[in-house]
Amino acid sequence: MGTITIDDVEHQIDDLTDVVKIKVSRMHEIQNQMNAMNRELAELQVVFQAYVNAIRDDMKASEDA
């Protein structure tokens, strides 16, 4: 299944207790959720900046008119 390093000691996941395996699995799920949220945040920042740019362009166009 792989390894996990805790306090600079590498452990085989297959050798861990079932309780610890469940916690390690949950940690992976949480890490995946955090990665997805970070991607979503990055996308939202791009969209937000696009709105800022659009507002800036609209204001400039109305000043030029």
PDB file of N, CA and C in Angstrom:
ATOM      1  N   MET A   1       0.824  -1.201   0.000  1.00  0.00           N
ATOM      2  CA  MET A   1       0.000   0.000   0.000  1.00  0.00           C
ATOM      3  C   MET A   1       0.857   1.249   0.000  1.00  0.00           C
ATOM      4  N   GLY A   2       2.038   1.205   0.539  1.00  0.00           N
ATOM      5  CA  GLY A   2       2.890   2.377   0.552  1.00  0.00           C
ATOM      6  C   GLY A   2       3.466   2.621   1.929  1.00  0.00           C
ATOM      7  N   THR A   3       4.007   3.815   2.069  1.00  0.00           N
ATOM      8  CA  THR A   3       4.624   4.179   3.340  1.00  0.00           C
ATOM      9  C   THR A   3       4.118   5.539   3.788  1.00  0.00           C
ATOM     10  N   ILE A   4       4.328   5.807   5.051  1.00  0.00           N
ATOM     11  CA  ILE A   4       4.051   7.118   5.636  1.00  0.00           C
ATOM     12  C   ILE A   4       5.213   7.435   6.565  1.00  0.00           C
ATOM     13  N   THR A   5       5.648   8.686   6.543  1.00  0.00           N
ATOM     14  CA  THR A   5       6.753   9.109   7.405  1.00  0.00           C
ATOM     15  C   THR A   5       6.195   9.953   8.538  1.00  0.00           C
ATOM     16  N   ILE A   6       6.482   9.527   9.755  1.00  0.00           N
ATOM     17  CA  ILE A   6       6.051  10.238  10.960  1.00  0.00           C
ATOM     18  C   ILE A   6       7.279  10.428  11.835  1.00  0.00           C
ATOM     19  N   ASP A   7       7.544  11.682  12.201  1.00  0.00           N
ATOM     20  CA  ASP A   7       8.719  12.004  13.019  1.00  0.00           C
ATOM     21  C   ASP A   7      10.004  11.441  12.414  1.00  0.00           C
ATOM     22  N   ASP A   8      10.132  11.623  11.081  1.00  0.00           N
ATOM     23  CA  ASP A   8      11.321  11.189  10.342  1.00  0.00           C
ATOM     24  C   ASP A   8      11.523   9.675  10.320  1.00  0.00           C
ATOM     25  N   VAL A   9      10.487   8.916  10.654  1.00  0.00           N
ATOM     26  CA  VAL A   9      10.565   7.458  10.613  1.00  0.00           C
ATOM     27  C   VAL A   9       9.555   6.977   9.578  1.00  0.00           C
ATOM     28  N   GLU A  10      10.023   6.185   8.623  1.00  0.00           N
ATOM     29  CA  GLU A  10       9.156   5.668   7.576  1.00  0.00           C
ATOM     30  C   GLU A  10       8.494   4.378   8.049  1.00  0.00           C
ATOM     31  N   HIS A  11       7.173   4.297   7.862  1.00  0.00           N
ATOM     32  CA  HIS A  11       6.396   3.135   8.289  1.00  0.00           C
ATOM     33  C   HIS A  11       5.676   2.551   7.083  1.00  0.00           C
ATOM     34  N   GLN A  12       5.637   1.238   6.998  1.00  0.00           N
ATOM     35  CA  GLN A  12       4.837   0.570   5.982  1.00  0.00           C
ATOM     36  C   GLN A  12       3.372   0.645   6.411  1.00  0.00           C
ATOM     37  N   ILE A  13       2.532   1.155   5.540  1.00  0.00           N
ATOM     38  CA  ILE A  13       1.120   1.312   5.901  1.00  0.00           C
ATOM     39  C   ILE A  13       0.492  -0.048   6.196  1.00  0.00           C
ATOM     40  N   ASP A  14       0.902  -1.083   5.465  1.00  0.00           N
ATOM     41  CA  ASP A  14       0.353  -2.422   5.711  1.00  0.00           C
ATOM     42  C   ASP A  14       0.649  -2.927   7.122  1.00  0.00           C
ATOM     43  N   ASP A  15       1.689  -2.392   7.748  1.00  0.00           N
ATOM     44  CA  ASP A  15       2.082  -2.840   9.090  1.00  0.00           C
ATOM     45  C   ASP A  15       1.357  -2.074  10.192  1.00  0.00           C
ATOM     46  N   LEU A  16       0.605  -1.045   9.851  1.00  0.00           N
ATOM     47  CA  LEU A  16      -0.069  -0.229  10.860  1.00  0.00           C
ATOM     48  C   LEU A  16      -1.360  -0.894  11.318  1.00  0.00           C
ATOM     49  N   THR A  17      -1.845  -0.461  12.472  1.00  0.00           N
ATOM     50  CA  THR A  17      -3.113  -1.000  12.966  1.00  0.00           C
ATOM     51  C   THR A  17      -4.247  -0.501  12.075  1.00  0.00           C
ATOM     52  N   ASP A  18      -5.372  -1.179  12.138  1.00  0.00           N
ATOM     53  CA  ASP A  18      -6.529  -0.782  11.339  1.00  0.00           C
ATOM     54  C   ASP A  18      -6.984   0.639  11.672  1.00  0.00           C
ATOM     55  N   VAL A  19      -6.916   0.992  12.946  1.00  0.00           N
ATOM     56  CA  VAL A  19      -7.322   2.341  13.372  1.00  0.00           C
ATOM     57  C   VAL A  19      -6.416   3.386  12.720  1.00  0.00           C
ATOM     58  N   VAL A  20      -5.125   3.135  12.714  1.00  0.00           N
ATOM     59  CA  VAL A  20      -4.178   4.077  12.113  1.00  0.00           C
ATOM     60  C   VAL A  20      -4.363   4.108  10.599  1.00  0.00           C
ATOM     61  N   LYS A  21      -4.614   2.955   9.973  1.00  0.00           N
ATOM     62  CA  LYS A  21      -4.866   2.919   8.535  1.00  0.00           C
ATOM     63  C   LYS A  21      -6.072   3.775   8.162  1.00  0.00           C
ATOM     64  N   ILE A  22      -7.111   3.734   8.965  1.00  0.00           N
ATOM     65  CA  ILE A  22      -8.300   4.550   8.717  1.00  0.00           C
ATOM     66  C   ILE A  22      -7.951   6.027   8.806  1.00  0.00           C
ATOM     67  N   LYS A  23      -7.142   6.385   9.795  1.00  0.00           N
ATOM     68  CA  LYS A  23      -6.740   7.788   9.953  1.00  0.00           C
ATOM     69  C   LYS A  23      -5.865   8.240   8.787  1.00  0.00           C
ATOM     70  N   VAL A  24      -4.966   7.383   8.342  1.00  0.00           N
ATOM     71  CA  VAL A  24      -4.115   7.713   7.197  1.00  0.00           C
ATOM     72  C   VAL A  24      -4.985   7.889   5.949  1.00  0.00           C
ATOM     73  N   SER A  25      -5.948   7.015   5.781  1.00  0.00           N
ATOM     74  CA  SER A  25      -6.858   7.125   4.643  1.00  0.00           C
ATOM     75  C   SER A  25      -7.626   8.437   4.692  1.00  0.00           C
ATOM     76  N   ARG A  26      -8.096   8.794   5.864  1.00  0.00           N
ATOM     77  CA  ARG A  26      -8.829  10.061   6.019  1.00  0.00           C
ATOM     78  C   ARG A  26      -7.915  11.247   5.732  1.00  0.00           C
ATOM     79  N   MET A  27      -6.654  11.154   6.149  1.00  0.00           N
ATOM     80  CA  MET A  27      -5.695  12.219   5.851  1.00  0.00           C
ATOM     81  C   MET A  27      -5.553  12.403   4.344  1.00  0.00           C
ATOM     82  N   HIS A  28      -5.502  11.302   3.609  1.00  0.00           N
ATOM     83  CA  HIS A  28      -5.404  11.387   2.150  1.00  0.00           C
ATOM     84  C   HIS A  28      -6.654  12.048   1.563  1.00  0.00           C
ATOM     85  N   GLU A  29      -7.821  11.678   2.086  1.00  0.00           N
ATOM     86  CA  GLU A  29      -9.062  12.286   1.615  1.00  0.00           C
ATOM     87  C   GLU A  29      -9.062  13.793   1.868  1.00  0.00           C
ATOM     88  N   ILE A  30      -8.619  14.182   3.047  1.00  0.00           N
ATOM     89  CA  ILE A  30      -8.574  15.599   3.405  1.00  0.00           C
ATOM     90  C   ILE A  30      -7.580  16.336   2.519  1.00  0.00           C
ATOM     91  N   GLN A  31      -6.422  15.715   2.259  1.00  0.00           N
ATOM     92  CA  GLN A  31      -5.431  16.332   1.381  1.00  0.00           C
ATOM     93  C   GLN A  31      -6.006  16.539  -0.017  1.00  0.00           C
ATOM     94  N   ASN A  32      -6.743  15.551  -0.513  1.00  0.00           N
ATOM     95  CA  ASN A  32      -7.381  15.683  -1.819  1.00  0.00           C
ATOM     96  C   ASN A  32      -8.397  16.813  -1.825  1.00  0.00           C
ATOM     97  N   GLN A  33      -9.177  16.941  -0.752  1.00  0.00           N
ATOM     98  CA  GLN A  33     -10.146  18.029  -0.640  1.00  0.00           C
ATOM     99  C   GLN A  33      -9.432  19.385  -0.622  1.00  0.00           C
ATOM    100  N   MET A  34      -8.333  19.469   0.122  1.00  0.00           N
ATOM    101  CA  MET A  34      -7.585  20.724   0.196  1.00  0.00           C
ATOM    102  C   MET A  34      -7.023  21.086  -1.172  1.00  0.00           C
ATOM    103  N   ASN A  35      -6.515  20.095  -1.894  1.00  0.00           N
ATOM    104  CA  ASN A  35      -5.995  20.352  -3.235  1.00  0.00           C
ATOM    105  C   ASN A  35      -7.100  20.851  -4.158  1.00  0.00           C
ATOM    106  N   ALA A  36      -8.270  20.235  -4.067  1.00  0.00           N
ATOM    107  CA  ALA A  36      -9.406  20.666  -4.892  1.00  0.00           C
ATOM    108  C   ALA A  36      -9.817  22.090  -4.530  1.00  0.00           C
ATOM    109  N   MET A  37      -9.837  22.412  -3.249  1.00  0.00           N
ATOM    110  CA  MET A  37     -10.198  23.763  -2.809  1.00  0.00           C
ATOM    111  C   MET A  37      -9.171  24.781  -3.284  1.00  0.00           C
ATOM    112  N   ASN A  38      -7.905  24.417  -3.248  1.00  0.00           N
ATOM    113  CA  ASN A  38      -6.861  25.329  -3.730  1.00  0.00           C
ATOM    114  C   ASN A  38      -7.005  25.587  -5.225  1.00  0.00           C
ATOM    115  N   ARG A  39      -7.338  24.524  -5.989  1.00  0.00           N
ATOM    116  CA  ARG A  39      -7.581  24.719  -7.423  1.00  0.00           C
ATOM    117  C   ARG A  39      -8.787  25.627  -7.647  1.00  0.00           C
ATOM    118  N   GLU A  40      -9.843  25.405  -6.875  1.00  0.00           N
ATOM    119  CA  GLU A  40     -11.046  26.233  -6.995  1.00  0.00           C
ATOM    120  C   GLU A  40     -10.737  27.682  -6.627  1.00  0.00           C
ATOM    121  N   LEU A  41      -9.962  27.892  -5.584  1.00  0.00           N
ATOM    122  CA  LEU A  41      -9.576  29.246  -5.187  1.00  0.00           C
ATOM    123  C   LEU A  41      -8.794  29.930  -6.302  1.00  0.00           C
ATOM    124  N   ALA A  42      -7.866  29.205  -6.904  1.00  0.00           N
ATOM    125  CA  ALA A  42      -7.076  29.771  -8.002  1.00  0.00           C
ATOM    126  C   ALA A  42      -7.983  30.164  -9.168  1.00  0.00           C
ATOM    127  N   GLU A  43      -8.956  29.321  -9.471  1.00  0.00           N
ATOM    128  CA  GLU A  43      -9.898  29.634 -10.540  1.00  0.00           C
ATOM    129  C   GLU A  43     -10.736  30.863 -10.186  1.00  0.00           C
ATOM    130  N   LEU A  44     -11.191  30.944  -8.949  1.00  0.00           N
ATOM    131  CA  LEU A  44     -11.992  32.096  -8.517  1.00  0.00           C
ATOM    132  C   LEU A  44     -11.172  33.377  -8.581  1.00  0.00           C
ATOM    133  N   GLN A  45      -9.896  33.294  -8.257  1.00  0.00           N
ATOM    134  CA  GLN A  45      -9.038  34.479  -8.328  1.00  0.00           C
ATOM    135  C   GLN A  45      -8.902  34.964  -9.769  1.00  0.00           C
ATOM    136  N   VAL A  46      -8.823  34.035 -10.716  1.00  0.00           N
ATOM    137  CA  VAL A  46      -8.743  34.408 -12.123  1.00  0.00           C
ATOM    138  C   VAL A  46     -10.040  35.093 -12.554  1.00  0.00           C
ATOM    139  N   VAL A  47     -11.170  34.515 -12.176  1.00  0.00           N
ATOM    140  CA  VAL A  47     -12.464  35.110 -12.535  1.00  0.00           C
ATOM    141  C   VAL A  47     -12.614  36.477 -11.880  1.00  0.00           C
ATOM    142  N   PHE A  48     -12.233  36.589 -10.630  1.00  0.00           N
ATOM    143  CA  PHE A  48     -12.308  37.869  -9.925  1.00  0.00           C
ATOM    144  C   PHE A  48     -11.493  38.925 -10.655  1.00  0.00           C
ATOM    145  N   GLN A  49     -10.274  38.570 -11.039  1.00  0.00           N
ATOM    146  CA  GLN A  49      -9.411  39.522 -11.756  1.00  0.00           C
ATOM    147  C   GLN A  49     -10.012  39.895 -13.103  1.00  0.00           C
ATOM    148  N   ALA A  50     -10.676  38.945 -13.751  1.00  0.00           N
ATOM    149  CA  ALA A  50     -11.340  39.252 -15.021  1.00  0.00           C
ATOM    150  C   ALA A  50     -12.428  40.300 -14.811  1.00  0.00           C
ATOM    151  N   TYR A  51     -13.178  40.201 -13.720  1.00  0.00           N
ATOM    152  CA  TYR A  51     -14.188  41.216 -13.405  1.00  0.00           C
ATOM    153  C   TYR A  51     -13.537  42.571 -13.134  1.00  0.00           C
ATOM    154  N   VAL A  52     -12.446  42.586 -12.399  1.00  0.00           N
ATOM    155  CA  VAL A  52     -11.730  43.836 -12.137  1.00  0.00           C
ATOM    156  C   VAL A  52     -11.312  44.471 -13.455  1.00  0.00           C
ATOM    157  N   ASN A  53     -10.744  43.661 -14.333  1.00  0.00           N
ATOM    158  CA  ASN A  53     -10.315  44.176 -15.625  1.00  0.00           C
ATOM    159  C   ASN A  53     -11.495  44.683 -16.451  1.00  0.00           C
ATOM    160  N   ALA A  54     -12.598  43.966 -16.442  1.00  0.00           N
ATOM    161  CA  ALA A  54     -13.782  44.380 -17.195  1.00  0.00           C
ATOM    162  C   ALA A  54     -14.339  45.690 -16.660  1.00  0.00           C
ATOM    163  N   ILE A  55     -14.387  45.824 -15.340  1.00  0.00           N
ATOM    164  CA  ILE A  55     -14.873  47.076 -14.741  1.00  0.00           C
ATOM    165  C   ILE A  55     -13.943  48.218 -15.115  1.00  0.00           C
ATOM    166  N   ARG A  56     -12.653  47.991 -15.045  1.00  0.00           N
ATOM    167  CA  ARG A  56     -11.674  49.016 -15.421  1.00  0.00           C
ATOM    168  C   ARG A  56     -11.895  49.439 -16.879  1.00  0.00           C
ATOM    169  N   ASP A  57     -12.079  48.480 -17.769  1.00  0.00           N
ATOM    170  CA  ASP A  57     -12.297  48.778 -19.193  1.00  0.00           C
ATOM    171  C   ASP A  57     -13.599  49.533 -19.384  1.00  0.00           C
ATOM    172  N   ASP A  58     -14.662  49.132 -18.682  1.00  0.00           N
ATOM    173  CA  ASP A  58     -15.951  49.814 -18.797  1.00  0.00           C
ATOM    174  C   ASP A  58     -15.843  51.268 -18.319  1.00  0.00           C
ATOM    175  N   MET A  59     -15.143  51.469 -17.214  1.00  0.00           N
ATOM    176  CA  MET A  59     -15.007  52.834 -16.668  1.00  0.00           C
ATOM    177  C   MET A  59     -14.176  53.685 -17.612  1.00  0.00           C
ATOM    178  N   LYS A  60     -13.146  53.104 -18.189  1.00  0.00           N
ATOM    179  CA  LYS A  60     -12.311  53.864 -19.127  1.00  0.00           C
ATOM    180  C   LYS A  60     -13.106  54.225 -20.368  1.00  0.00           C
ATOM    181  N   ALA A  61     -13.922  53.281 -20.853  1.00  0.00           N
ATOM    182  CA  ALA A  61     -14.734  53.533 -22.040  1.00  0.00           C
ATOM    183  C   ALA A  61     -15.731  54.649 -21.785  1.00  0.00           C
ATOM    184  N   SER A  62     -16.341  54.691 -20.596  1.00  0.00           N
ATOM    185  CA  SER A  62     -17.322  55.746 -20.310  1.00  0.00           C
ATOM    186  C   SER A  62     -16.625  57.089 -20.082  1.00  0.00           C
ATOM    187  N   GLU A  63     -15.387  57.083 -19.616  1.00  0.00           N
ATOM    188  CA  GLU A  63     -14.639  58.336 -19.469  1.00  0.00           C
ATOM    189  C   GLU A  63     -14.245  58.888 -20.848  1.00  0.00           C
ATOM    190  N   ASP A  64     -13.936  57.969 -21.777  1.00  0.00           N
ATOM    191  CA  ASP A  64     -13.532  58.382 -23.120  1.00  0.00           C
ATOM    192  C   ASP A  64     -14.714  58.869 -23.953  1.00  0.00           C
ATOM    193  N   ALA A  65     -15.915  58.466 -23.551  1.00  0.00           N
ATOM    194  CA  ALA A  65     -17.105  58.817 -24.353  1.00  0.00           C
ATOM    195  C   ALA A  65     -17.594  60.225 -24.090  1.00  0.00           C
TER     196      ALA A  65
END
